[in-house]
Amino acid sequence: MEKVFNMIFTDFTQSFNSPTPPAELSEALKSLWWDGKGNWDKAHNIAQEIEDTQEGAWVHAYLHRKEGDRGNAGYWYRRAGKPFPDISLEKEWEEISRELLR
């Protein structure tokens, strides 16, 4: 199982070579995809449009944490039911991506 999971995550990160995200991704994953490509604004625009889901709130929280807006990030972590993380942004991005790819 872990081997397949890693392959999926690898495919996700390798897709950064494309100009657009894979069509089959959820909106939350598309948001992370754009952030992974270095386009925070596009990622945030997508996150803002995600309907009331824990996944969307988690991605939105991460993006505000990355932006440096701890207060807004805290609000979104609470909506996602997640604690404010004490890990690097890179590690959190990977954690969220891996979780949402399951």
C-alpha atoms as a PDB file:
ATOM      1  CA  MET A   1       0.000   0.000   0.000  1.00  0.00           C
ATOM      2  CA  GLU A   2       2.724   2.513   0.924  1.00  0.00           C
ATOM      3  CA  LYS A   3       4.499   1.925  -2.378  1.00  0.00           C
ATOM      4  CA  VAL A   4       1.383   2.773  -4.396  1.00  0.00           C
ATOM      5  CA  PHE A   5       0.745   5.810  -2.187  1.00  0.00           C
ATOM      6  CA  ASN A   6       4.261   7.156  -2.782  1.00  0.00           C
ATOM      7  CA  MET A   7       3.884   6.615  -6.494  1.00  0.00           C
ATOM      8  CA  ILE A   8       0.722   8.706  -6.512  1.00  0.00           C
ATOM      9  CA  PHE A   9       2.420  11.529  -4.581  1.00  0.00           C
ATOM     10  CA  THR A  10       5.381  11.362  -6.960  1.00  0.00           C
ATOM     11  CA  ASP A  11       3.036  11.607  -9.942  1.00  0.00           C
ATOM     12  CA  PHE A  12       1.393  14.626  -8.307  1.00  0.00           C
ATOM     13  CA  THR A  13       4.688  16.465  -7.860  1.00  0.00           C
ATOM     14  CA  GLN A  14       5.948  15.460 -11.300  1.00  0.00           C
ATOM     15  CA  SER A  15       2.819  16.979 -12.812  1.00  0.00           C
ATOM     16  CA  PHE A  16       4.292  20.416 -11.966  1.00  0.00           C
ATOM     17  CA  ASN A  17       6.003  20.130 -15.359  1.00  0.00           C
ATOM     18  CA  SER A  18       2.591  20.646 -16.986  1.00  0.00           C
ATOM     19  CA  PRO A  19       1.112  24.115 -17.499  1.00  0.00           C
ATOM     20  CA  THR A  20      -2.142  23.160 -15.734  1.00  0.00           C
ATOM     21  CA  PRO A  21      -3.061  20.702 -12.971  1.00  0.00           C
ATOM     22  CA  PRO A  22      -4.434  17.268 -13.829  1.00  0.00           C
ATOM     23  CA  ALA A  23      -8.185  17.567 -14.417  1.00  0.00           C
ATOM     24  CA  GLU A  24      -9.062  14.752 -12.020  1.00  0.00           C
ATOM     25  CA  LEU A  25      -7.708  16.590  -8.959  1.00  0.00           C
ATOM     26  CA  SER A  26     -10.102  17.935  -6.342  1.00  0.00           C
ATOM     27  CA  GLU A  27     -10.226  21.701  -5.955  1.00  0.00           C
ATOM     28  CA  ALA A  28      -8.230  21.415  -2.717  1.00  0.00           C
ATOM     29  CA  LEU A  29      -5.487  19.502  -4.540  1.00  0.00           C
ATOM     30  CA  LYS A  30      -5.564  21.961  -7.434  1.00  0.00           C
ATOM     31  CA  SER A  31      -4.979  24.727  -4.908  1.00  0.00           C
ATOM     32  CA  LEU A  32      -1.985  22.850  -3.460  1.00  0.00           C
ATOM     33  CA  TRP A  33      -0.768  22.142  -6.995  1.00  0.00           C
ATOM     34  CA  TRP A  34      -0.663  25.864  -7.844  1.00  0.00           C
ATOM     35  CA  ASP A  35       1.075  26.602  -4.545  1.00  0.00           C
ATOM     36  CA  GLY A  36       3.583  23.865  -5.342  1.00  0.00           C
ATOM     37  CA  LYS A  37       4.277  25.639  -8.640  1.00  0.00           C
ATOM     38  CA  GLY A  38       4.926  28.875  -6.748  1.00  0.00           C
ATOM     39  CA  ASN A  39       1.651  30.639  -7.525  1.00  0.00           C
ATOM     40  CA  TRP A  40       0.248  31.457  -4.067  1.00  0.00           C
ATOM     41  CA  ASP A  41      -2.328  33.909  -5.439  1.00  0.00           C
ATOM     42  CA  LYS A  42      -3.909  31.358  -7.782  1.00  0.00           C
ATOM     43  CA  ALA A  43      -3.808  28.743  -5.011  1.00  0.00           C
ATOM     44  CA  HIS A  44      -5.553  31.116  -2.616  1.00  0.00           C
ATOM     45  CA  ASN A  45      -8.185  32.103  -5.188  1.00  0.00           C
ATOM     46  CA  ILE A  46      -9.098  28.434  -5.607  1.00  0.00           C
ATOM     47  CA  ALA A  47      -9.103  27.828  -1.837  1.00  0.00           C
ATOM     48  CA  GLN A  48     -11.495  30.738  -1.331  1.00  0.00           C
ATOM     49  CA  GLU A  49     -13.998  29.159  -3.717  1.00  0.00           C
ATOM     50  CA  ILE A  50     -14.017  25.717  -2.088  1.00  0.00           C
ATOM     51  CA  GLU A  51     -17.352  25.053  -0.439  1.00  0.00           C
ATOM     52  CA  ASP A  52     -17.498  24.403   3.277  1.00  0.00           C
ATOM     53  CA  THR A  53     -15.300  21.299   3.586  1.00  0.00           C
ATOM     54  CA  GLN A  54     -12.627  20.329   6.075  1.00  0.00           C
ATOM     55  CA  GLU A  55     -10.219  19.671   3.205  1.00  0.00           C
ATOM     56  CA  GLY A  56     -10.735  23.130   1.767  1.00  0.00           C
ATOM     57  CA  ALA A  57     -10.404  24.740   5.193  1.00  0.00           C
ATOM     58  CA  TRP A  58      -7.128  22.859   5.812  1.00  0.00           C
ATOM     59  CA  VAL A  59      -5.630  24.049   2.533  1.00  0.00           C
ATOM     60  CA  HIS A  60      -6.891  27.578   3.199  1.00  0.00           C
ATOM     61  CA  ALA A  61      -5.307  27.477   6.677  1.00  0.00           C
ATOM     62  CA  TYR A  62      -1.976  26.333   5.266  1.00  0.00           C
ATOM     63  CA  LEU A  63      -2.003  29.115   2.666  1.00  0.00           C
ATOM     64  CA  HIS A  64      -2.638  31.806   5.292  1.00  0.00           C
ATOM     65  CA  ARG A  65       0.091  30.324   7.488  1.00  0.00           C
ATOM     66  CA  LYS A  66       2.442  30.520   4.512  1.00  0.00           C
ATOM     67  CA  GLU A  67       1.363  34.110   3.935  1.00  0.00           C
ATOM     68  CA  GLY A  68       2.290  34.893   7.544  1.00  0.00           C
ATOM     69  CA  ASP A  69      -1.275  35.676   8.684  1.00  0.00           C
ATOM     70  CA  ARG A  70      -1.387  33.555  11.851  1.00  0.00           C
ATOM     71  CA  GLY A  71      -4.761  34.892  12.985  1.00  0.00           C
ATOM     72  CA  ASN A  72      -6.533  34.025   9.750  1.00  0.00           C
ATOM     73  CA  ALA A  73      -4.662  30.719   9.554  1.00  0.00           C
ATOM     74  CA  GLY A  74      -5.807  29.866  13.077  1.00  0.00           C
ATOM     75  CA  TYR A  75      -9.423  30.505  12.112  1.00  0.00           C
ATOM     76  CA  TRP A  76      -9.141  28.118   9.143  1.00  0.00           C
ATOM     77  CA  TYR A  77      -7.297  25.433  11.150  1.00  0.00           C
ATOM     78  CA  ARG A  78     -10.180  25.501  13.645  1.00  0.00           C
ATOM     79  CA  ARG A  79     -12.688  25.149  10.787  1.00  0.00           C
ATOM     80  CA  ALA A  80     -10.661  22.213   9.476  1.00  0.00           C
ATOM     81  CA  GLY A  81     -10.548  20.582  12.912  1.00  0.00           C
ATOM     82  CA  LYS A  82      -6.740  20.663  12.844  1.00  0.00           C
ATOM     83  CA  PRO A  83      -4.263  22.007  15.395  1.00  0.00           C
ATOM     84  CA  PHE A  84      -1.964  24.850  14.384  1.00  0.00           C
ATOM     85  CA  PRO A  85       1.090  22.931  13.115  1.00  0.00           C
ATOM     86  CA  ASP A  86       4.590  23.107  14.512  1.00  0.00           C
ATOM     87  CA  ILE A  87       6.300  21.813  11.371  1.00  0.00           C
ATOM     88  CA  SER A  88       7.867  23.462   8.336  1.00  0.00           C
ATOM     89  CA  LEU A  89       5.619  24.755   5.578  1.00  0.00           C
ATOM     90  CA  GLU A  90       7.194  22.265   3.182  1.00  0.00           C
ATOM     91  CA  LYS A  91       6.430  19.358   5.492  1.00  0.00           C
ATOM     92  CA  GLU A  92       2.860  20.555   5.997  1.00  0.00           C
ATOM     93  CA  TRP A  93       2.329  20.947   2.238  1.00  0.00           C
ATOM     94  CA  GLU A  94       3.466  17.358   1.748  1.00  0.00           C
ATOM     95  CA  GLU A  95       1.327  16.098   4.654  1.00  0.00           C
ATOM     96  CA  ILE A  96      -1.818  17.751   3.300  1.00  0.00           C
ATOM     97  CA  SER A  97      -1.085  16.600  -0.257  1.00  0.00           C
ATOM     98  CA  ARG A  98      -0.506  12.998   0.787  1.00  0.00           C
ATOM     99  CA  GLU A  99      -3.666  12.968   2.902  1.00  0.00           C
ATOM    100  CA  LEU A 100      -5.831  14.406   0.126  1.00  0.00           C
ATOM    101  CA  LEU A 101      -4.406  12.017  -2.468  1.00  0.00           C
ATOM    102  CA  ARG A 102      -5.666   8.994  -0.487  1.00  0.00           C
END
